[in-house]
Amino acid sequence: MTVVREGTAASSVNATQTPTVGQAESTQQLTAWQQSFASFRRDRVSMVALTVIVVVVLLAILAPVISPYDPYARTGERLEPLGSPGHIMGTDALGRDLLTRVLWGGRVSLMAALVPVLLATLIATLIGIIAGYSKAVGNVLMRVVDVFFAIPNVLLAVAIGAALGPGLMNVMIAIGIYLVPWISRIVYVEVVSIRNSSFVEAARVCGSSSWQIMVEEILPNAISPIIVASSIQMGSMITVAAGMSFLGLGVQPPTSDWGILVATGRDVLATAPQVAGIPGLLILIVAASFNLLGDGLRDALDPRLHTSKSQV
């Protein structure tokens, strides 16, 4: 006859049913992300902005497939109006199809903003986390960042672009240099606010190294403002890149770019306003969409808003 001790059985049942600390933390984090995603989906303005961005990005990616003509070839008479046969958006001053030029220009404009934003975010995140975690290093790095903040942002990007010379690569370098101090400051402030939190102290007590704490503990809790800042800056950088091309500091003709299309269309603004109006309107719509998307992400990823809504 086998005797089962009640205490042993109860402890085994509790051991199988009670989640570990790691499982509890991962479940709580997953629930927070699910709550943020649900909150973002309820924001109709942000969803419309996201839809616009997705459509524009897809059109830019598929430009070689869906473009009716070669972007550099003359395919009709100069300055054909909107709705002309074979040229739904008309033609530019050289007789090139405007729809084709806009689609190909979107590829360049989006790349000129997306690549430097991603690279600057990675570099700025590393700088901000190190500066925020180490007080001694932070004092030095943030003083260097303050030097960049003393110069107006757009003027800094234009000055760097003018010093490097025209070209797509130089535009991306100028935008990246402009963005790193701005994003690193945001990361630094966020890291400083959480570096003395209880979970960070617990990781130190458990013997985790500084790099482990920064990567495994601090970075996941500072990722939300980084995502929001990057998405908002995408809209601003599309405007900056187009402005540099408009001034002759960015992409050079005959390469198509929304800023170049606006610059070349200003000479025929009275007779063919669509040549400059359509790419200018696209810059406005895409930049506003990224800003609205950033606002929606900020509201969705802010746990304080979730708490206040649940209390109401």
Protein backbone atom coordinates (compact mmCIF):
# COMPACT_ATOMS: atom_id res chain seq x y z
CA MET A 1 0.00 0.00 0.00
CA THR A 2 1.47 3.32 -1.11
CA VAL A 3 0.95 6.33 1.13
CA VAL A 4 0.92 9.73 -0.55
CA ARG A 5 1.71 12.62 1.69
CA GLU A 6 -0.72 15.48 1.24
CA GLY A 7 1.93 18.16 1.73
CA THR A 8 4.17 16.66 -0.95
CA ALA A 9 1.29 16.32 -3.42
CA ALA A 10 0.11 19.85 -2.76
CA SER A 11 3.59 21.28 -3.20
CA SER A 12 4.05 19.42 -6.49
CA VAL A 13 0.72 20.72 -7.78
CA ASN A 14 1.62 24.27 -6.77
CA ALA A 15 5.01 23.93 -8.42
CA THR A 16 3.43 22.92 -11.71
CA GLN A 17 0.72 25.56 -11.58
CA THR A 18 2.69 28.56 -10.27
CA PRO A 19 4.61 30.35 -13.05
CA THR A 20 8.21 31.32 -12.56
CA VAL A 21 9.33 34.95 -12.29
CA GLY A 22 10.61 34.94 -15.86
CA GLN A 23 7.35 33.51 -17.17
CA ALA A 24 5.37 36.08 -15.24
CA GLU A 25 7.47 38.95 -16.58
CA SER A 26 7.23 37.73 -20.17
CA THR A 27 3.47 37.24 -19.85
CA GLN A 28 3.06 40.70 -18.39
CA GLN A 29 5.18 42.24 -21.17
CA LEU A 30 3.22 40.36 -23.84
CA THR A 31 -0.03 41.58 -22.33
CA ALA A 32 1.24 45.17 -22.37
CA TRP A 33 2.16 44.92 -26.07
CA GLN A 34 -1.21 43.35 -26.86
CA GLN A 35 -2.94 46.18 -25.03
CA SER A 36 -0.89 48.75 -26.93
CA PHE A 37 -1.71 47.10 -30.25
CA ALA A 38 -5.42 47.03 -29.42
CA SER A 39 -5.27 50.70 -28.41
CA PHE A 40 -3.53 51.59 -31.67
CA ARG A 41 -6.12 49.75 -33.75
CA ARG A 42 -8.89 51.78 -32.10
CA ASP A 43 -7.25 55.02 -33.23
CA ARG A 44 -8.86 55.62 -36.64
CA VAL A 45 -6.65 58.56 -37.54
CA SER A 46 -3.49 56.52 -36.95
CA MET A 47 -4.86 53.59 -38.92
CA VAL A 48 -5.66 55.88 -41.87
CA ALA A 49 -2.14 57.33 -41.66
CA LEU A 50 -0.64 53.84 -41.57
CA THR A 51 -2.71 52.83 -44.60
CA VAL A 52 -1.50 55.86 -46.55
CA ILE A 53 2.14 55.08 -45.68
CA VAL A 54 1.77 51.42 -46.67
CA VAL A 55 0.17 52.34 -50.01
CA VAL A 56 2.87 54.92 -50.81
CA VAL A 57 5.68 52.52 -49.86
CA LEU A 58 4.21 49.73 -51.99
CA LEU A 59 3.80 52.05 -54.97
CA ALA A 60 7.41 53.16 -54.60
CA ILE A 61 8.70 49.61 -54.33
CA LEU A 62 6.66 48.47 -57.34
CA ALA A 63 7.56 51.51 -59.45
CA PRO A 64 9.68 49.48 -61.92
CA VAL A 65 6.75 47.15 -62.47
CA ILE A 66 3.77 49.52 -62.58
CA SER A 67 5.39 52.57 -64.19
CA PRO A 68 3.98 53.02 -67.70
CA TYR A 69 7.16 54.57 -69.14
CA ASP A 70 10.87 55.04 -68.65
CA PRO A 71 11.35 57.86 -66.11
CA TYR A 72 14.08 59.47 -68.22
CA ALA A 73 12.57 59.10 -71.69
CA ARG A 74 10.45 61.67 -73.48
CA THR A 75 7.08 60.04 -74.12
CA GLY A 76 4.85 62.91 -75.20
CA GLU A 77 4.53 66.62 -75.82
CA ARG A 78 5.78 68.97 -73.15
CA LEU A 79 3.37 70.06 -70.41
CA GLU A 80 0.42 67.90 -71.41
CA PRO A 81 -2.48 68.53 -68.99
CA LEU A 82 -4.01 66.15 -66.48
CA GLY A 83 -6.00 63.33 -68.04
CA SER A 84 -4.20 63.39 -71.37
CA PRO A 85 -4.39 60.12 -73.36
CA GLY A 86 -1.55 57.90 -72.18
CA HIS A 87 -0.49 60.42 -69.50
CA ILE A 88 -3.01 60.48 -66.67
CA MET A 89 -1.01 63.09 -64.72
CA GLY A 90 0.27 64.87 -67.80
CA THR A 91 3.92 65.47 -68.71
CA ASP A 92 6.68 67.73 -67.44
CA ALA A 93 8.55 70.48 -69.27
CA LEU A 94 10.65 67.90 -71.14
CA GLY A 95 7.72 65.69 -72.19
CA ARG A 96 8.39 62.95 -69.63
CA ASP A 97 5.43 61.14 -68.05
CA LEU A 98 4.69 62.78 -64.71
CA LEU A 99 3.11 59.68 -63.13
CA THR A 100 6.27 57.68 -63.86
CA ARG A 101 8.48 60.45 -62.48
CA VAL A 102 6.40 60.66 -59.30
CA LEU A 103 6.53 56.90 -58.70
CA TRP A 104 10.29 56.73 -59.20
CA GLY A 105 10.76 59.91 -57.20
CA GLY A 106 8.97 58.31 -54.27
CA ARG A 107 11.60 55.58 -54.16
CA VAL A 108 14.38 58.13 -53.80
CA SER A 109 12.52 60.38 -51.35
CA LEU A 110 11.56 57.51 -49.04
CA MET A 111 15.04 55.99 -49.16
CA ALA A 112 16.65 59.37 -48.44
CA ALA A 113 14.66 59.51 -45.21
CA LEU A 114 14.32 55.85 -44.17
CA VAL A 115 17.98 54.78 -44.36
CA PRO A 116 19.42 57.65 -42.26
CA VAL A 117 16.58 57.42 -39.73
CA LEU A 118 17.25 53.71 -39.16
CA LEU A 119 21.03 54.11 -38.95
CA ALA A 120 20.79 57.21 -36.75
CA THR A 121 18.35 55.42 -34.45
CA LEU A 122 20.77 52.52 -33.96
CA ILE A 123 23.74 54.81 -33.27
CA ALA A 124 21.75 57.18 -31.07
CA THR A 125 20.29 54.30 -29.06
CA LEU A 126 23.77 53.01 -28.30
CA ILE A 127 24.99 56.48 -27.31
CA GLY A 128 21.91 57.24 -25.23
CA ILE A 129 21.97 53.97 -23.30
CA ILE A 130 25.69 54.23 -22.48
CA ALA A 131 25.36 57.89 -21.52
CA GLY A 132 22.28 57.29 -19.42
CA TYR A 133 23.66 54.27 -17.60
CA SER A 134 27.10 55.71 -16.82
CA LYS A 135 27.00 59.13 -15.18
CA ALA A 136 30.63 59.96 -15.97
CA VAL A 137 30.33 59.03 -19.64
CA GLY A 138 26.92 60.66 -19.85
CA ASN A 139 28.21 64.05 -18.72
CA VAL A 140 30.80 64.06 -21.52
CA LEU A 141 28.55 62.74 -24.30
CA MET A 142 25.62 65.00 -23.46
CA ARG A 143 27.84 68.09 -23.51
CA VAL A 144 28.86 67.14 -27.04
CA VAL A 145 25.18 66.70 -27.93
CA ASP A 146 24.42 70.14 -26.50
CA VAL A 147 26.82 71.65 -29.04
CA PHE A 148 24.66 70.29 -31.87
CA PHE A 149 21.50 71.56 -30.19
CA ALA A 150 22.93 75.08 -30.25
CA ILE A 151 22.62 75.05 -34.07
CA PRO A 152 19.16 75.14 -35.72
CA ASN A 153 18.32 71.66 -36.93
CA VAL A 154 17.48 72.34 -40.57
CA LEU A 155 20.37 74.77 -40.89
CA LEU A 156 22.71 72.07 -39.58
CA ALA A 157 21.51 69.55 -42.16
CA VAL A 158 21.76 72.10 -45.00
CA ALA A 159 25.24 73.17 -43.88
CA ILE A 160 26.48 69.57 -43.76
CA GLY A 161 24.92 68.85 -47.15
CA ALA A 162 26.54 71.96 -48.65
CA ALA A 163 29.93 70.98 -47.21
CA LEU A 164 29.71 67.41 -48.52
CA GLY A 165 28.31 68.37 -51.91
CA PRO A 166 25.16 67.27 -53.78
CA GLY A 167 24.14 63.62 -54.05
CA LEU A 168 21.84 61.08 -52.45
CA MET A 169 24.55 59.59 -50.21
CA ASN A 170 25.56 63.01 -48.90
CA VAL A 171 21.92 63.85 -48.16
CA MET A 172 21.58 60.68 -46.09
CA ILE A 173 24.83 61.43 -44.23
CA ALA A 174 23.67 64.98 -43.46
CA ILE A 175 20.29 63.78 -42.21
CA GLY A 176 21.92 61.05 -40.11
CA ILE A 177 24.29 63.52 -38.43
CA TYR A 178 21.36 65.80 -37.78
CA LEU A 179 19.28 63.02 -36.20
CA VAL A 180 21.80 61.31 -33.89
CA PRO A 181 21.94 64.06 -31.22
CA TRP A 182 18.16 64.48 -31.21
CA ILE A 183 17.33 60.80 -30.73
CA SER A 184 20.24 60.14 -28.35
CA ARG A 185 18.91 62.84 -26.02
CA ILE A 186 15.51 61.12 -25.92
CA VAL A 187 17.10 57.75 -25.16
CA TYR A 188 19.36 59.31 -22.53
CA VAL A 189 16.45 60.89 -20.64
CA GLU A 190 14.49 57.62 -20.72
CA VAL A 191 17.45 55.56 -19.49
CA VAL A 192 18.19 58.00 -16.65
CA SER A 193 14.58 57.66 -15.47
CA ILE A 194 14.79 53.84 -15.22
CA ARG A 195 18.44 53.08 -14.39
CA ASN A 196 17.72 53.03 -10.64
CA SER A 197 14.51 51.02 -10.91
CA SER A 198 13.98 47.94 -8.77
CA PHE A 199 14.37 45.47 -11.66
CA VAL A 200 17.71 47.04 -12.59
CA GLU A 201 18.92 46.80 -8.99
CA ALA A 202 17.75 43.18 -8.89
CA ALA A 203 19.79 42.42 -12.00
CA ARG A 204 22.88 43.98 -10.39
CA VAL A 205 22.38 41.90 -7.26
CA CYS A 206 22.11 38.75 -9.38
CA GLY A 207 25.53 39.48 -10.85
CA SER A 208 24.55 40.72 -14.32
CA SER A 209 27.20 42.73 -16.14
CA SER A 210 26.64 46.31 -17.23
CA TRP A 211 26.15 45.26 -20.85
CA GLN A 212 23.64 42.60 -19.84
CA ILE A 213 21.69 45.13 -17.80
CA MET A 214 21.67 47.69 -20.63
CA VAL A 215 20.63 45.18 -23.30
CA GLU A 216 18.31 42.86 -21.36
CA GLU A 217 16.76 45.19 -18.78
CA ILE A 218 17.01 48.83 -19.86
CA LEU A 219 16.65 48.63 -23.65
CA PRO A 220 13.30 46.71 -23.67
CA ASN A 221 11.84 49.29 -21.27
CA ALA A 222 13.13 52.24 -23.30
CA ILE A 223 12.10 50.98 -26.73
CA SER A 224 8.71 52.75 -26.85
CA PRO A 225 9.95 56.37 -27.02
CA ILE A 226 12.61 55.28 -29.54
CA ILE A 227 9.94 53.88 -31.88
CA VAL A 228 7.79 56.99 -31.51
CA ALA A 229 10.70 59.39 -32.11
CA SER A 230 11.87 57.51 -35.19
CA SER A 231 8.41 57.40 -36.77
CA ILE A 232 7.84 61.12 -36.20
CA GLN A 233 11.27 61.99 -37.59
CA MET A 234 10.54 60.03 -40.77
CA GLY A 235 8.00 62.65 -41.81
CA SER A 236 10.33 65.51 -40.97
CA MET A 237 13.24 63.94 -42.83
CA ILE A 238 11.17 63.44 -45.99
CA THR A 239 10.54 67.19 -45.92
CA VAL A 240 14.21 67.97 -45.21
CA ALA A 241 15.45 65.66 -47.99
CA ALA A 242 12.98 67.17 -50.46
CA GLY A 243 14.00 70.66 -49.37
CA MET A 244 17.68 69.91 -49.93
CA SER A 245 16.92 68.58 -53.40
CA PHE A 246 14.83 71.68 -54.07
CA LEU A 247 17.84 73.85 -53.15
CA GLY A 248 20.16 71.82 -55.36
CA LEU A 249 21.99 70.18 -52.43
CA GLY A 250 20.43 66.75 -52.79
CA VAL A 251 19.71 64.39 -55.66
CA GLN A 252 20.63 65.88 -59.02
CA PRO A 253 18.72 65.73 -62.32
CA PRO A 254 17.83 63.70 -64.28
CA THR A 255 17.22 61.47 -61.23
CA SER A 256 13.63 61.83 -60.11
CA ASP A 257 12.92 63.04 -56.59
CA TRP A 258 9.88 64.79 -55.16
CA GLY A 259 11.97 67.81 -54.25
CA ILE A 260 13.46 68.02 -57.74
CA LEU A 261 10.00 67.70 -59.30
CA VAL A 262 8.79 70.64 -57.23
CA ALA A 263 11.91 72.65 -58.14
CA THR A 264 11.56 72.03 -61.87
CA GLY A 265 7.81 72.57 -61.78
CA ARG A 266 7.99 76.03 -60.25
CA ASP A 267 9.09 77.48 -63.59
CA VAL A 268 5.84 76.35 -65.22
CA LEU A 269 3.60 76.83 -62.19
CA ALA A 270 1.28 79.22 -64.02
CA THR A 271 0.73 77.04 -67.07
CA ALA A 272 1.06 73.52 -65.60
CA PRO A 273 0.56 73.64 -61.83
CA GLN A 274 0.31 69.84 -61.58
CA VAL A 275 4.02 69.41 -62.32
CA ALA A 276 4.94 70.93 -58.96
CA GLY A 277 1.59 70.54 -57.23
CA ILE A 278 1.32 66.73 -57.28
CA PRO A 279 4.77 65.96 -55.79
CA GLY A 280 4.36 68.83 -53.33
CA LEU A 281 1.03 67.43 -52.21
CA LEU A 282 2.58 63.99 -51.80
CA ILE A 283 5.34 65.41 -49.58
CA LEU A 284 2.67 67.05 -47.42
CA ILE A 285 0.49 63.94 -47.20
CA VAL A 286 3.31 61.48 -46.45
CA ALA A 287 5.00 63.77 -43.90
CA ALA A 288 1.68 64.37 -42.13
CA SER A 289 0.92 60.63 -42.17
CA PHE A 290 4.19 59.80 -40.44
CA ASN A 291 3.55 62.50 -37.83
CA LEU A 292 0.04 61.19 -37.18
CA LEU A 293 1.41 57.65 -37.00
CA GLY A 294 3.97 58.77 -34.43
CA ASP A 295 1.26 60.44 -32.35
CA GLY A 296 -0.81 57.26 -32.46
CA LEU A 297 2.15 55.10 -31.44
CA ARG A 298 2.95 57.47 -28.58
CA ASP A 299 -0.60 57.24 -27.26
CA ALA A 300 -0.71 53.46 -27.70
CA LEU A 301 2.68 52.76 -26.10
CA ASP A 302 2.25 55.09 -23.12
CA PRO A 303 1.18 52.92 -20.15
CA ARG A 304 0.04 55.97 -18.21
CA LEU A 305 -2.70 56.59 -20.76
CA HIS A 306 -3.81 52.97 -20.48
CA THR A 307 -4.00 53.31 -16.71
CA SER A 308 -6.01 56.52 -16.84
CA LYS A 309 -8.43 55.06 -19.37
CA SER A 310 -8.95 51.92 -17.32
CA GLN A 311 -9.63 53.99 -14.21
CA VAL A 312 -12.23 56.04 -16.07
